[in-house]
Amino acid sequence: MSAQTAAEVVLVDYGLGNLRSAQRGLERAGAAVEITDDPDDFAAADGIVLPGVGAFSEGMENAGPFREPLAAAADRGQPVFGICLGMQMLLTTSEEADHAGQGQVEGLNFIPGTNVRFERGRKVPHMGWNELRVEREHPIVEGIDGQYAYFVHSYYAEPDDDAVVATTDYGVSFPAVVANEAGNVFGTQFHPEKSGETGLQILRNFVEYCAER
């Protein structure tokens, strides 16, 4: 690790991530980033990032080989950070697979809950900038209450209440940031790498959290 690098982070390549953009954002935040499709790289990392763009069922199918290694990392207390679809994959299940006629698809189940579609009559996907409201303390949301982040999604998380860290309103108040009970597994529904200074603050918070573990 160089003197300028605060933490060494692996970015999981399972075929559905916004990898280069996420890599650049994390590097700007002070991380040394390795993009990897090898779960053997997880254990030595200070933190793990699970990006994601696309459908829940495809995401979970592609992430199948990583399910147990990610669970082991979470159990070890390593920081695991899911972005957008990656955040939704942290939950137990999603309505998206049912909606597409694919039946029940099991998520990683690190955070109990499901993902549901915005109600009819609301334009989907929810796309663009929206305000973040911090609901409880967590290192990942330090300094971002009332700031704006960039969203692109048609489904949103409905986790257990104590998992909600920050919310956003789109006709319904939905979780923008969630975290597990231990605090080391968390995710953002928005894309921090596309969210300007607010997103950079989130990524800096993540890198700092990784460095302090």
N, C-alpha and C. Protein backbone atom coordinates (compact mmCIF):
# COMPACT_ATOMS: atom_id res chain seq x y z
N MET A 1 0.85 -1.19 0.00
CA MET A 1 0.00 0.00 0.00
C MET A 1 0.88 1.24 0.00
N SER A 2 0.64 2.18 -0.89
CA SER A 2 1.46 3.39 -0.97
C SER A 2 1.07 4.35 0.14
N ALA A 3 1.91 5.37 0.34
CA ALA A 3 1.64 6.35 1.38
C ALA A 3 0.36 7.13 1.08
N GLN A 4 0.01 7.23 -0.21
CA GLN A 4 -1.17 7.99 -0.60
C GLN A 4 -2.45 7.16 -0.54
N THR A 5 -2.30 5.86 -0.37
CA THR A 5 -3.46 4.97 -0.42
C THR A 5 -3.97 4.68 0.98
N ALA A 6 -5.25 4.98 1.21
CA ALA A 6 -5.82 4.78 2.53
C ALA A 6 -6.26 3.34 2.76
N ALA A 7 -6.70 2.65 1.69
CA ALA A 7 -7.21 1.29 1.83
C ALA A 7 -7.11 0.56 0.50
N GLU A 8 -7.03 -0.76 0.59
CA GLU A 8 -7.00 -1.60 -0.61
C GLU A 8 -8.37 -2.27 -0.76
N VAL A 9 -9.00 -2.01 -1.87
CA VAL A 9 -10.39 -2.41 -2.10
C VAL A 9 -10.48 -3.30 -3.33
N VAL A 10 -11.30 -4.35 -3.25
CA VAL A 10 -11.57 -5.16 -4.44
C VAL A 10 -12.96 -4.82 -4.96
N LEU A 11 -13.06 -4.70 -6.27
CA LEU A 11 -14.30 -4.42 -6.98
C LEU A 11 -14.68 -5.70 -7.70
N VAL A 12 -15.83 -6.29 -7.30
CA VAL A 12 -16.20 -7.61 -7.78
C VAL A 12 -16.71 -7.54 -9.22
N ASP A 13 -16.05 -8.26 -10.11
CA ASP A 13 -16.46 -8.32 -11.51
C ASP A 13 -17.26 -9.60 -11.73
N TYR A 14 -18.59 -9.45 -11.72
CA TYR A 14 -19.46 -10.60 -11.97
C TYR A 14 -20.28 -10.39 -13.24
N GLY A 15 -19.83 -9.43 -14.06
CA GLY A 15 -20.42 -9.24 -15.38
C GLY A 15 -21.50 -8.19 -15.49
N LEU A 16 -21.88 -7.55 -14.37
CA LEU A 16 -22.97 -6.57 -14.43
C LEU A 16 -22.62 -5.25 -13.75
N GLY A 17 -21.36 -4.99 -13.56
CA GLY A 17 -20.99 -3.80 -12.81
C GLY A 17 -20.57 -2.63 -13.68
N ASN A 18 -20.73 -1.45 -13.12
CA ASN A 18 -20.25 -0.22 -13.74
C ASN A 18 -18.80 -0.04 -13.28
N LEU A 19 -17.93 -0.94 -13.72
CA LEU A 19 -16.64 -1.13 -13.07
C LEU A 19 -15.69 0.05 -13.19
N ARG A 20 -15.50 0.55 -14.39
CA ARG A 20 -14.49 1.60 -14.58
C ARG A 20 -14.88 2.89 -13.87
N SER A 21 -16.16 3.24 -13.94
CA SER A 21 -16.62 4.44 -13.26
C SER A 21 -16.48 4.30 -11.75
N ALA A 22 -16.86 3.13 -11.23
CA ALA A 22 -16.71 2.88 -9.79
C ALA A 22 -15.24 2.87 -9.39
N GLN A 23 -14.39 2.30 -10.23
CA GLN A 23 -12.96 2.27 -9.94
C GLN A 23 -12.40 3.69 -9.84
N ARG A 24 -12.75 4.52 -10.80
CA ARG A 24 -12.24 5.90 -10.79
C ARG A 24 -12.71 6.65 -9.55
N GLY A 25 -13.99 6.46 -9.18
CA GLY A 25 -14.50 7.13 -7.99
C GLY A 25 -13.78 6.69 -6.73
N LEU A 26 -13.56 5.41 -6.59
CA LEU A 26 -12.87 4.88 -5.41
C LEU A 26 -11.43 5.35 -5.36
N GLU A 27 -10.78 5.41 -6.51
CA GLU A 27 -9.40 5.88 -6.54
C GLU A 27 -9.32 7.36 -6.17
N ARG A 28 -10.29 8.14 -6.63
CA ARG A 28 -10.34 9.56 -6.23
C ARG A 28 -10.53 9.69 -4.73
N ALA A 29 -11.22 8.72 -4.13
CA ALA A 29 -11.48 8.74 -2.69
C ALA A 29 -10.30 8.22 -1.88
N GLY A 30 -9.24 7.76 -2.55
CA GLY A 30 -8.02 7.36 -1.85
C GLY A 30 -7.77 5.88 -1.76
N ALA A 31 -8.54 5.07 -2.50
CA ALA A 31 -8.36 3.62 -2.43
C ALA A 31 -7.45 3.13 -3.56
N ALA A 32 -6.74 2.05 -3.27
CA ALA A 32 -6.10 1.26 -4.32
C ALA A 32 -7.12 0.20 -4.70
N VAL A 33 -7.48 0.12 -5.98
CA VAL A 33 -8.60 -0.72 -6.41
C VAL A 33 -8.13 -1.84 -7.31
N GLU A 34 -8.56 -3.06 -6.99
CA GLU A 34 -8.33 -4.22 -7.85
C GLU A 34 -9.68 -4.74 -8.33
N ILE A 35 -9.87 -4.77 -9.64
CA ILE A 35 -11.05 -5.39 -10.21
C ILE A 35 -10.79 -6.88 -10.33
N THR A 36 -11.66 -7.70 -9.76
CA THR A 36 -11.38 -9.14 -9.73
C THR A 36 -12.62 -9.99 -9.91
N ASP A 37 -12.45 -11.13 -10.55
CA ASP A 37 -13.50 -12.14 -10.61
C ASP A 37 -13.07 -13.39 -9.86
N ASP A 38 -12.06 -13.24 -8.99
CA ASP A 38 -11.51 -14.35 -8.21
C ASP A 38 -11.82 -14.15 -6.73
N PRO A 39 -12.72 -14.94 -6.14
CA PRO A 39 -13.07 -14.79 -4.73
C PRO A 39 -11.87 -14.96 -3.79
N ASP A 40 -10.82 -15.61 -4.25
CA ASP A 40 -9.63 -15.77 -3.41
C ASP A 40 -8.98 -14.43 -3.08
N ASP A 41 -9.32 -13.40 -3.85
CA ASP A 41 -8.75 -12.07 -3.60
C ASP A 41 -9.46 -11.33 -2.47
N PHE A 42 -10.60 -11.84 -2.02
CA PHE A 42 -11.41 -11.10 -1.05
C PHE A 42 -10.74 -10.98 0.32
N ALA A 43 -10.16 -12.07 0.80
CA ALA A 43 -9.72 -12.13 2.20
C ALA A 43 -8.67 -11.09 2.54
N ALA A 44 -7.79 -10.78 1.60
CA ALA A 44 -6.69 -9.85 1.88
C ALA A 44 -7.10 -8.39 1.73
N ALA A 45 -8.29 -8.14 1.22
CA ALA A 45 -8.72 -6.77 0.95
C ALA A 45 -9.20 -6.07 2.22
N ASP A 46 -9.07 -4.75 2.24
CA ASP A 46 -9.62 -3.96 3.34
C ASP A 46 -11.12 -3.79 3.20
N GLY A 47 -11.62 -3.90 1.97
CA GLY A 47 -13.04 -3.77 1.72
C GLY A 47 -13.42 -4.35 0.38
N ILE A 48 -14.70 -4.68 0.23
CA ILE A 48 -15.21 -5.32 -0.99
C ILE A 48 -16.38 -4.49 -1.51
N VAL A 49 -16.36 -4.20 -2.81
CA VAL A 49 -17.44 -3.43 -3.43
C VAL A 49 -18.16 -4.32 -4.44
N LEU A 50 -19.49 -4.40 -4.29
CA LEU A 50 -20.33 -5.17 -5.20
C LEU A 50 -21.16 -4.17 -6.01
N PRO A 51 -20.71 -3.82 -7.22
CA PRO A 51 -21.47 -2.87 -8.03
C PRO A 51 -22.64 -3.59 -8.70
N GLY A 52 -23.40 -2.89 -9.52
CA GLY A 52 -24.48 -3.60 -10.20
C GLY A 52 -25.36 -2.71 -11.04
N VAL A 53 -25.60 -3.13 -12.26
CA VAL A 53 -26.54 -2.48 -13.16
C VAL A 53 -27.30 -3.58 -13.88
N GLY A 54 -28.63 -3.56 -13.81
CA GLY A 54 -29.40 -4.59 -14.51
C GLY A 54 -30.44 -5.24 -13.63
N ALA A 55 -30.83 -6.47 -14.01
CA ALA A 55 -31.93 -7.17 -13.35
C ALA A 55 -31.44 -8.02 -12.18
N PHE A 56 -32.30 -8.12 -11.16
CA PHE A 56 -31.97 -8.86 -9.94
C PHE A 56 -31.65 -10.32 -10.23
N SER A 57 -32.50 -10.97 -11.04
CA SER A 57 -32.31 -12.40 -11.29
C SER A 57 -30.99 -12.67 -12.00
N GLU A 58 -30.67 -11.83 -12.98
CA GLU A 58 -29.41 -12.01 -13.70
C GLU A 58 -28.23 -11.71 -12.78
N GLY A 59 -28.39 -10.69 -11.94
CA GLY A 59 -27.34 -10.37 -10.99
C GLY A 59 -27.04 -11.52 -10.06
N MET A 60 -28.08 -12.15 -9.51
CA MET A 60 -27.87 -13.25 -8.58
C MET A 60 -27.33 -14.49 -9.29
N GLU A 61 -27.77 -14.71 -10.52
CA GLU A 61 -27.23 -15.85 -11.27
C GLU A 61 -25.73 -15.66 -11.51
N ASN A 62 -25.35 -14.46 -11.94
CA ASN A 62 -23.93 -14.19 -12.20
C ASN A 62 -23.11 -14.21 -10.93
N ALA A 63 -23.72 -13.78 -9.83
CA ALA A 63 -22.99 -13.69 -8.57
C ALA A 63 -22.96 -15.01 -7.81
N GLY A 64 -23.58 -16.06 -8.37
CA GLY A 64 -23.63 -17.35 -7.68
C GLY A 64 -22.30 -17.83 -7.13
N PRO A 65 -21.21 -17.82 -7.92
CA PRO A 65 -19.92 -18.30 -7.43
C PRO A 65 -19.34 -17.45 -6.30
N PHE A 66 -19.91 -16.24 -6.13
CA PHE A 66 -19.37 -15.33 -5.12
C PHE A 66 -20.19 -15.34 -3.82
N ARG A 67 -21.33 -16.07 -3.84
CA ARG A 67 -22.23 -16.01 -2.70
C ARG A 67 -21.55 -16.43 -1.39
N GLU A 68 -20.93 -17.61 -1.38
CA GLU A 68 -20.29 -18.09 -0.15
C GLU A 68 -19.08 -17.26 0.23
N PRO A 69 -18.20 -16.88 -0.72
CA PRO A 69 -17.06 -16.03 -0.34
C PRO A 69 -17.50 -14.67 0.21
N LEU A 70 -18.56 -14.09 -0.34
CA LEU A 70 -19.05 -12.82 0.19
C LEU A 70 -19.63 -13.01 1.60
N ALA A 71 -20.34 -14.12 1.80
CA ALA A 71 -20.88 -14.41 3.13
C ALA A 71 -19.76 -14.59 4.15
N ALA A 72 -18.69 -15.25 3.73
CA ALA A 72 -17.54 -15.45 4.62
C ALA A 72 -16.90 -14.11 4.96
N ALA A 73 -16.78 -13.23 3.98
CA ALA A 73 -16.21 -11.90 4.20
C ALA A 73 -17.07 -11.11 5.18
N ALA A 74 -18.39 -11.16 4.98
CA ALA A 74 -19.30 -10.45 5.88
C ALA A 74 -19.18 -10.99 7.30
N ASP A 75 -19.09 -12.30 7.44
CA ASP A 75 -18.95 -12.93 8.76
C ASP A 75 -17.64 -12.55 9.43
N ARG A 76 -16.60 -12.34 8.62
CA ARG A 76 -15.29 -11.92 9.17
C ARG A 76 -15.30 -10.47 9.63
N GLY A 77 -16.34 -9.74 9.26
CA GLY A 77 -16.40 -8.34 9.61
C GLY A 77 -15.81 -7.41 8.57
N GLN A 78 -15.45 -7.95 7.40
CA GLN A 78 -14.94 -7.10 6.34
C GLN A 78 -16.05 -6.18 5.84
N PRO A 79 -15.73 -4.94 5.48
CA PRO A 79 -16.73 -4.08 4.88
C PRO A 79 -17.14 -4.59 3.50
N VAL A 80 -18.44 -4.73 3.27
CA VAL A 80 -19.00 -5.14 1.97
C VAL A 80 -19.99 -4.05 1.56
N PHE A 81 -19.74 -3.41 0.43
CA PHE A 81 -20.49 -2.24 -0.01
C PHE A 81 -21.17 -2.54 -1.33
N GLY A 82 -22.52 -2.60 -1.33
CA GLY A 82 -23.29 -2.83 -2.55
C GLY A 82 -23.79 -1.53 -3.14
N ILE A 83 -23.67 -1.38 -4.46
CA ILE A 83 -24.09 -0.17 -5.14
C ILE A 83 -25.24 -0.49 -6.10
N CYS A 84 -26.35 0.23 -5.97
CA CYS A 84 -27.53 0.11 -6.84
C CYS A 84 -28.06 -1.34 -6.83
N LEU A 85 -27.97 -2.06 -7.94
CA LEU A 85 -28.38 -3.46 -7.94
C LEU A 85 -27.59 -4.23 -6.88
N GLY A 86 -26.33 -3.89 -6.70
CA GLY A 86 -25.51 -4.54 -5.68
C GLY A 86 -26.09 -4.38 -4.29
N MET A 87 -26.69 -3.22 -4.01
CA MET A 87 -27.38 -3.02 -2.73
C MET A 87 -28.61 -3.91 -2.65
N GLN A 88 -29.41 -3.96 -3.71
CA GLN A 88 -30.62 -4.78 -3.69
C GLN A 88 -30.28 -6.26 -3.50
N MET A 89 -29.15 -6.69 -4.05
CA MET A 89 -28.72 -8.08 -3.92
C MET A 89 -28.35 -8.45 -2.49
N LEU A 90 -28.09 -7.45 -1.63
CA LEU A 90 -27.78 -7.72 -0.23
C LEU A 90 -29.00 -8.22 0.53
N LEU A 91 -30.21 -7.97 0.00
CA LEU A 91 -31.43 -8.34 0.68
C LEU A 91 -31.81 -9.80 0.40
N THR A 92 -32.91 -10.23 0.98
CA THR A 92 -33.31 -11.64 0.91
C THR A 92 -33.87 -12.04 -0.44
N THR A 93 -34.71 -11.16 -1.01
CA THR A 93 -35.36 -11.49 -2.28
C THR A 93 -35.81 -10.22 -2.97
N SER A 94 -36.46 -10.36 -4.14
CA SER A 94 -36.94 -9.23 -4.90
C SER A 94 -38.21 -9.60 -5.65
N GLU A 95 -39.13 -8.64 -5.77
CA GLU A 95 -40.32 -8.83 -6.59
C GLU A 95 -39.97 -8.83 -8.08
N GLU A 96 -38.78 -8.34 -8.42
CA GLU A 96 -38.44 -8.17 -9.83
C GLU A 96 -38.50 -9.49 -10.60
N ALA A 97 -37.98 -10.56 -9.99
CA ALA A 97 -38.00 -11.86 -10.66
C ALA A 97 -39.43 -12.35 -10.87
N ASP A 98 -40.29 -12.16 -9.84
CA ASP A 98 -41.71 -12.54 -9.99
C ASP A 98 -42.37 -11.72 -11.08
N HIS A 99 -42.07 -10.44 -11.10
CA HIS A 99 -42.65 -9.53 -12.09
C HIS A 99 -42.28 -9.97 -13.51
N ALA A 100 -41.07 -10.50 -13.66
CA ALA A 100 -40.60 -10.95 -14.97
C ALA A 100 -41.00 -12.40 -15.27
N GLY A 101 -41.77 -13.01 -14.37
CA GLY A 101 -42.23 -14.38 -14.57
C GLY A 101 -41.16 -15.42 -14.30
N GLN A 102 -40.16 -15.03 -13.52
CA GLN A 102 -39.04 -15.95 -13.25
C GLN A 102 -39.14 -16.61 -11.88
N GLY A 103 -40.19 -16.30 -11.16
CA GLY A 103 -40.36 -16.90 -9.84
C GLY A 103 -39.45 -16.29 -8.80
N GLN A 104 -39.38 -16.94 -7.66
CA GLN A 104 -38.61 -16.43 -6.54
C GLN A 104 -37.11 -16.58 -6.79
N VAL A 105 -36.37 -15.51 -6.58
CA VAL A 105 -34.91 -15.55 -6.69
C VAL A 105 -34.33 -15.10 -5.35
N GLU A 106 -33.47 -15.88 -4.79
CA GLU A 106 -32.92 -15.59 -3.47
C GLU A 106 -31.73 -14.67 -3.59
N GLY A 107 -31.77 -13.58 -2.81
CA GLY A 107 -30.65 -12.67 -2.72
C GLY A 107 -29.59 -13.20 -1.77
N LEU A 108 -28.63 -12.35 -1.44
CA LEU A 108 -27.54 -12.75 -0.56
C LEU A 108 -28.01 -12.90 0.89
N ASN A 109 -29.10 -12.22 1.24
CA ASN A 109 -29.71 -12.34 2.57
C ASN A 109 -28.79 -11.86 3.68
N PHE A 110 -27.96 -10.86 3.40
CA PHE A 110 -27.15 -10.24 4.45
C PHE A 110 -27.99 -9.25 5.25
N ILE A 111 -29.03 -8.71 4.60
CA ILE A 111 -29.94 -7.76 5.24
C ILE A 111 -31.36 -8.27 4.99
N PRO A 112 -32.09 -8.68 6.01
CA PRO A 112 -33.43 -9.23 5.80
C PRO A 112 -34.35 -8.20 5.14
N GLY A 113 -35.08 -8.66 4.12
CA GLY A 113 -36.01 -7.77 3.45
C GLY A 113 -36.18 -8.15 1.99
N THR A 114 -36.99 -7.36 1.28
CA THR A 114 -37.24 -7.62 -0.12
C THR A 114 -37.15 -6.32 -0.91
N ASN A 115 -37.16 -6.44 -2.23
CA ASN A 115 -37.15 -5.28 -3.11
C ASN A 115 -38.48 -5.25 -3.86
N VAL A 116 -39.11 -4.09 -3.91
CA VAL A 116 -40.43 -3.96 -4.51
C VAL A 116 -40.41 -2.89 -5.60
N ARG A 117 -41.38 -2.99 -6.53
CA ARG A 117 -41.46 -2.05 -7.64
C ARG A 117 -42.25 -0.80 -7.22
N PHE A 118 -41.84 0.36 -7.72
CA PHE A 118 -42.63 1.56 -7.50
C PHE A 118 -44.04 1.35 -8.02
N GLU A 119 -45.01 1.92 -7.33
CA GLU A 119 -46.42 1.71 -7.68
C GLU A 119 -46.74 2.30 -9.05
N ARG A 120 -47.80 1.74 -9.65
CA ARG A 120 -48.29 2.25 -10.94
C ARG A 120 -48.66 3.74 -10.79
N GLY A 121 -48.47 4.46 -11.89
CA GLY A 121 -48.77 5.88 -11.86
C GLY A 121 -47.56 6.73 -11.56
N ARG A 122 -46.48 6.08 -11.17
CA ARG A 122 -45.23 6.79 -10.92
C ARG A 122 -44.26 6.47 -12.05
N LYS A 123 -43.62 7.47 -12.59
CA LYS A 123 -42.70 7.25 -13.70
C LYS A 123 -41.53 6.40 -13.24
N VAL A 124 -41.29 5.31 -13.96
CA VAL A 124 -40.14 4.46 -13.67
C VAL A 124 -39.31 4.29 -14.95
N PRO A 125 -38.00 4.19 -14.80
CA PRO A 125 -37.29 4.21 -13.52
C PRO A 125 -37.28 5.59 -12.87
N HIS A 126 -37.11 5.59 -11.55
CA HIS A 126 -36.79 6.81 -10.83
C HIS A 126 -35.39 7.21 -11.26
N MET A 127 -35.28 8.29 -11.99
CA MET A 127 -33.99 8.65 -12.59
C MET A 127 -33.67 10.11 -12.33
N GLY A 128 -32.49 10.37 -11.86
CA GLY A 128 -32.03 11.74 -11.65
C GLY A 128 -31.63 12.00 -10.21
N TRP A 129 -31.50 13.28 -9.90
CA TRP A 129 -31.00 13.71 -8.59
C TRP A 129 -32.13 13.78 -7.58
N ASN A 130 -31.85 13.35 -6.35
CA ASN A 130 -32.84 13.42 -5.30
C ASN A 130 -32.14 13.56 -3.96
N GLU A 131 -32.89 14.06 -2.99
CA GLU A 131 -32.30 14.43 -1.69
C GLU A 131 -32.17 13.24 -0.75
N LEU A 132 -31.10 13.22 0.01
CA LEU A 132 -30.84 12.18 1.00
C LEU A 132 -31.17 12.69 2.39
N ARG A 133 -31.88 11.88 3.17
CA ARG A 133 -32.18 12.20 4.55
C ARG A 133 -31.60 11.11 5.45
N VAL A 134 -30.64 11.48 6.25
CA VAL A 134 -30.00 10.50 7.15
C VAL A 134 -30.95 10.22 8.31
N GLU A 135 -31.23 8.93 8.54
CA GLU A 135 -32.16 8.51 9.59
C GLU A 135 -31.44 8.03 10.85
N ARG A 136 -30.22 7.57 10.69
CA ARG A 136 -29.45 7.14 11.86
C ARG A 136 -27.97 7.18 11.53
N GLU A 137 -27.16 7.16 12.55
CA GLU A 137 -25.71 7.28 12.35
C GLU A 137 -25.12 6.02 11.75
N HIS A 138 -24.22 6.21 10.83
CA HIS A 138 -23.38 5.14 10.28
C HIS A 138 -22.22 5.84 9.59
N PRO A 139 -21.01 5.28 9.66
CA PRO A 139 -19.86 5.96 9.05
C PRO A 139 -20.05 6.30 7.57
N ILE A 140 -20.82 5.50 6.84
CA ILE A 140 -20.94 5.70 5.40
C ILE A 140 -21.69 6.99 5.06
N VAL A 141 -22.54 7.50 5.97
CA VAL A 141 -23.36 8.67 5.66
C VAL A 141 -22.85 9.94 6.34
N GLU A 142 -21.68 9.91 6.87
CA GLU A 142 -21.12 11.10 7.52
C GLU A 142 -21.06 12.26 6.53
N GLY A 143 -21.71 13.38 6.89
CA GLY A 143 -21.60 14.60 6.09
C GLY A 143 -22.48 14.67 4.86
N ILE A 144 -23.48 13.79 4.72
CA ILE A 144 -24.28 13.82 3.48
C ILE A 144 -25.77 14.12 3.72
N ASP A 145 -26.18 14.39 4.95
CA ASP A 145 -27.60 14.68 5.20
C ASP A 145 -28.03 15.93 4.44
N GLY A 146 -29.14 15.81 3.69
CA GLY A 146 -29.65 16.94 2.93
C GLY A 146 -28.98 17.15 1.58
N GLN A 147 -27.98 16.33 1.26
CA GLN A 147 -27.30 16.44 -0.02
C GLN A 147 -28.06 15.63 -1.08
N TYR A 148 -27.68 15.81 -2.34
CA TYR A 148 -28.36 15.16 -3.45
C TYR A 148 -27.48 14.11 -4.11
N ALA A 149 -28.11 13.00 -4.51
CA ALA A 149 -27.39 11.90 -5.16
C ALA A 149 -28.15 11.48 -6.42
N TYR A 150 -27.49 10.72 -7.28
CA TYR A 150 -28.05 10.36 -8.58
C TYR A 150 -28.57 8.93 -8.57
N PHE A 151 -29.86 8.78 -8.90
CA PHE A 151 -30.55 7.49 -8.86
C PHE A 151 -30.97 7.05 -10.27
N VAL A 152 -30.95 5.74 -10.50
CA VAL A 152 -31.57 5.12 -11.68
C VAL A 152 -32.07 3.74 -11.24
N HIS A 153 -33.38 3.61 -10.95
CA HIS A 153 -33.90 2.31 -10.49
C HIS A 153 -35.41 2.28 -10.58
N SER A 154 -35.95 1.08 -10.78
CA SER A 154 -37.40 0.86 -10.82
C SER A 154 -37.90 0.12 -9.59
N TYR A 155 -36.99 -0.47 -8.83
CA TYR A 155 -37.32 -1.21 -7.61
C TYR A 155 -36.59 -0.56 -6.45
N TYR A 156 -37.14 -0.73 -5.26
CA TYR A 156 -36.49 -0.18 -4.07
C TYR A 156 -36.58 -1.18 -2.93
N ALA A 157 -35.69 -1.03 -1.98
CA ALA A 157 -35.59 -1.98 -0.88
C ALA A 157 -36.67 -1.74 0.17
N GLU A 158 -37.20 -2.84 0.71
CA GLU A 158 -38.03 -2.81 1.91
C GLU A 158 -37.39 -3.74 2.93
N PRO A 159 -36.35 -3.26 3.61
CA PRO A 159 -35.68 -4.09 4.61
C PRO A 159 -36.36 -3.96 5.97
N ASP A 160 -35.89 -4.73 6.93
CA ASP A 160 -36.33 -4.52 8.30
C ASP A 160 -36.02 -3.07 8.68
N ASP A 161 -36.89 -2.46 9.49
CA ASP A 161 -36.78 -1.03 9.78
C ASP A 161 -35.41 -0.61 10.30
N ASP A 162 -34.80 -1.45 11.14
CA ASP A 162 -33.53 -1.04 11.74
C ASP A 162 -32.36 -1.08 10.76
N ALA A 163 -32.60 -1.54 9.54
CA ALA A 163 -31.55 -1.57 8.53
C ALA A 163 -31.47 -0.26 7.75
N VAL A 164 -32.47 0.60 7.87
CA VAL A 164 -32.52 1.84 7.09
C VAL A 164 -31.60 2.88 7.71
N VAL A 165 -30.66 3.38 6.90
CA VAL A 165 -29.69 4.38 7.35
C VAL A 165 -30.06 5.76 6.82
N ALA A 166 -30.49 5.83 5.56
CA ALA A 166 -30.91 7.09 4.95
C ALA A 166 -32.07 6.82 4.00
N THR A 167 -32.91 7.82 3.80
CA THR A 167 -34.07 7.67 2.93
C THR A 167 -34.10 8.78 1.87
N THR A 168 -34.93 8.54 0.86
CA THR A 168 -35.21 9.51 -0.21
C THR A 168 -36.69 9.40 -0.53
N ASP A 169 -37.27 10.50 -0.98
CA ASP A 169 -38.70 10.50 -1.30
C ASP A 169 -38.93 10.53 -2.80
N TYR A 170 -39.79 9.59 -3.27
CA TYR A 170 -40.23 9.60 -4.66
C TYR A 170 -41.71 9.19 -4.67
N GLY A 171 -42.50 10.03 -4.02
CA GLY A 171 -43.91 9.69 -3.81
C GLY A 171 -44.09 8.75 -2.65
N VAL A 172 -43.09 7.99 -2.37
CA VAL A 172 -43.00 7.11 -1.21
C VAL A 172 -41.58 7.27 -0.66
N SER A 173 -41.47 7.22 0.65
CA SER A 173 -40.14 7.28 1.27
C SER A 173 -39.50 5.91 1.17
N PHE A 174 -38.34 5.83 0.54
CA PHE A 174 -37.68 4.54 0.37
C PHE A 174 -36.23 4.62 0.86
N PRO A 175 -35.64 3.49 1.20
CA PRO A 175 -34.27 3.49 1.71
C PRO A 175 -33.26 3.83 0.60
N ALA A 176 -32.45 4.83 0.85
CA ALA A 176 -31.36 5.19 -0.05
C ALA A 176 -30.05 4.55 0.38
N VAL A 177 -29.95 4.29 1.69
CA VAL A 177 -28.77 3.61 2.26
C VAL A 177 -29.28 2.62 3.30
N VAL A 178 -28.76 1.40 3.26
CA VAL A 178 -29.11 0.37 4.24
C VAL A 178 -27.83 -0.24 4.80
N ALA A 179 -27.96 -0.86 5.97
CA ALA A 179 -26.82 -1.54 6.58
C ALA A 179 -27.30 -2.68 7.46
N ASN A 180 -26.47 -3.71 7.59
CA ASN A 180 -26.83 -4.83 8.47
C ASN A 180 -26.64 -4.44 9.93
N GLU A 181 -27.03 -5.34 10.81
CA GLU A 181 -26.99 -5.04 12.24
C GLU A 181 -25.57 -4.78 12.71
N ALA A 182 -24.60 -5.53 12.20
CA ALA A 182 -23.20 -5.35 12.60
C ALA A 182 -22.61 -4.06 12.03
N GLY A 183 -23.20 -3.56 10.94
CA GLY A 183 -22.74 -2.31 10.36
C GLY A 183 -21.70 -2.44 9.26
N ASN A 184 -21.17 -3.66 9.06
CA ASN A 184 -20.09 -3.81 8.08
C ASN A 184 -20.58 -4.14 6.67
N VAL A 185 -21.86 -4.48 6.53
CA VAL A 185 -22.45 -4.72 5.21
C VAL A 185 -23.47 -3.62 4.96
N PHE A 186 -23.29 -2.88 3.88
CA PHE A 186 -24.16 -1.74 3.63
C PHE A 186 -24.24 -1.47 2.14
N GLY A 187 -25.18 -0.64 1.76
CA GLY A 187 -25.33 -0.35 0.34
C GLY A 187 -26.04 0.95 0.10
N THR A 188 -25.85 1.49 -1.11
CA THR A 188 -26.54 2.70 -1.55
C THR A 188 -27.38 2.37 -2.77
N GLN A 189 -28.64 2.83 -2.77
CA GLN A 189 -29.49 2.64 -3.94
C GLN A 189 -29.03 3.53 -5.09
N PHE A 190 -28.45 4.66 -4.77
CA PHE A 190 -27.94 5.59 -5.77
C PHE A 190 -26.51 5.18 -6.18
N HIS A 191 -26.04 5.83 -7.24
CA HIS A 191 -24.68 5.59 -7.72
C HIS A 191 -23.75 6.66 -7.17
N PRO A 192 -22.93 6.36 -6.17
CA PRO A 192 -22.02 7.39 -5.66
C PRO A 192 -21.02 7.87 -6.72
N GLU A 193 -20.63 6.96 -7.62
CA GLU A 193 -19.65 7.34 -8.64
C GLU A 193 -20.22 8.30 -9.67
N LYS A 194 -21.55 8.51 -9.65
CA LYS A 194 -22.20 9.46 -10.56
C LYS A 194 -22.81 10.63 -9.81
N SER A 195 -22.51 10.74 -8.52
CA SER A 195 -23.20 11.70 -7.65
C SER A 195 -22.33 12.87 -7.21
N GLY A 196 -21.35 13.23 -8.02
CA GLY A 196 -20.57 14.43 -7.75
C GLY A 196 -19.90 14.42 -6.39
N GLU A 197 -19.92 15.59 -5.72
CA GLU A 197 -19.24 15.73 -4.44
C GLU A 197 -19.90 14.89 -3.35
N THR A 198 -21.23 14.74 -3.43
CA THR A 198 -21.92 13.89 -2.45
C THR A 198 -21.44 12.46 -2.56
N GLY A 199 -21.36 11.96 -3.78
CA GLY A 199 -20.89 10.60 -3.99
C GLY A 199 -19.44 10.42 -3.57
N LEU A 200 -18.63 11.43 -3.86
CA LEU A 200 -17.22 11.35 -3.46
C LEU A 200 -17.09 11.29 -1.94
N GLN A 201 -17.95 12.06 -1.24
CA GLN A 201 -17.95 12.01 0.22
C GLN A 201 -18.31 10.61 0.72
N ILE A 202 -19.31 9.98 0.10
CA ILE A 202 -19.69 8.61 0.46
C ILE A 202 -18.50 7.67 0.25
N LEU A 203 -17.84 7.78 -0.88
CA LEU A 203 -16.72 6.90 -1.18
C LEU A 203 -15.55 7.16 -0.24
N ARG A 204 -15.31 8.41 0.10
CA ARG A 204 -14.27 8.72 1.10
C ARG A 204 -14.62 8.10 2.44
N ASN A 205 -15.90 8.21 2.82
CA ASN A 205 -16.35 7.59 4.08
C ASN A 205 -16.08 6.09 4.07
N PHE A 206 -16.37 5.45 2.92
CA PHE A 206 -16.14 4.02 2.78
C PHE A 206 -14.67 3.68 2.91
N VAL A 207 -13.83 4.41 2.22
CA VAL A 207 -12.38 4.15 2.25
C VAL A 207 -11.85 4.35 3.67
N GLU A 208 -12.30 5.39 4.33
CA GLU A 208 -11.86 5.63 5.71
C GLU A 208 -12.31 4.51 6.63
N TYR A 209 -13.55 4.07 6.45
CA TYR A 209 -14.08 2.97 7.26
C TYR A 209 -13.25 1.70 7.04
N CYS A 210 -12.91 1.42 5.79
CA CYS A 210 -12.08 0.26 5.48
C CYS A 210 -10.70 0.36 6.14
N ALA A 211 -10.13 1.56 6.10
CA ALA A 211 -8.78 1.76 6.64
C ALA A 211 -8.74 1.60 8.16
N GLU A 212 -9.87 1.87 8.81
CA GLU A 212 -9.90 1.82 10.28
C GLU A 212 -10.25 0.45 10.82
N ARG A 213 -10.67 -0.48 9.95
CA ARG A 213 -11.08 -1.79 10.44
C ARG A 213 -9.88 -2.61 10.92
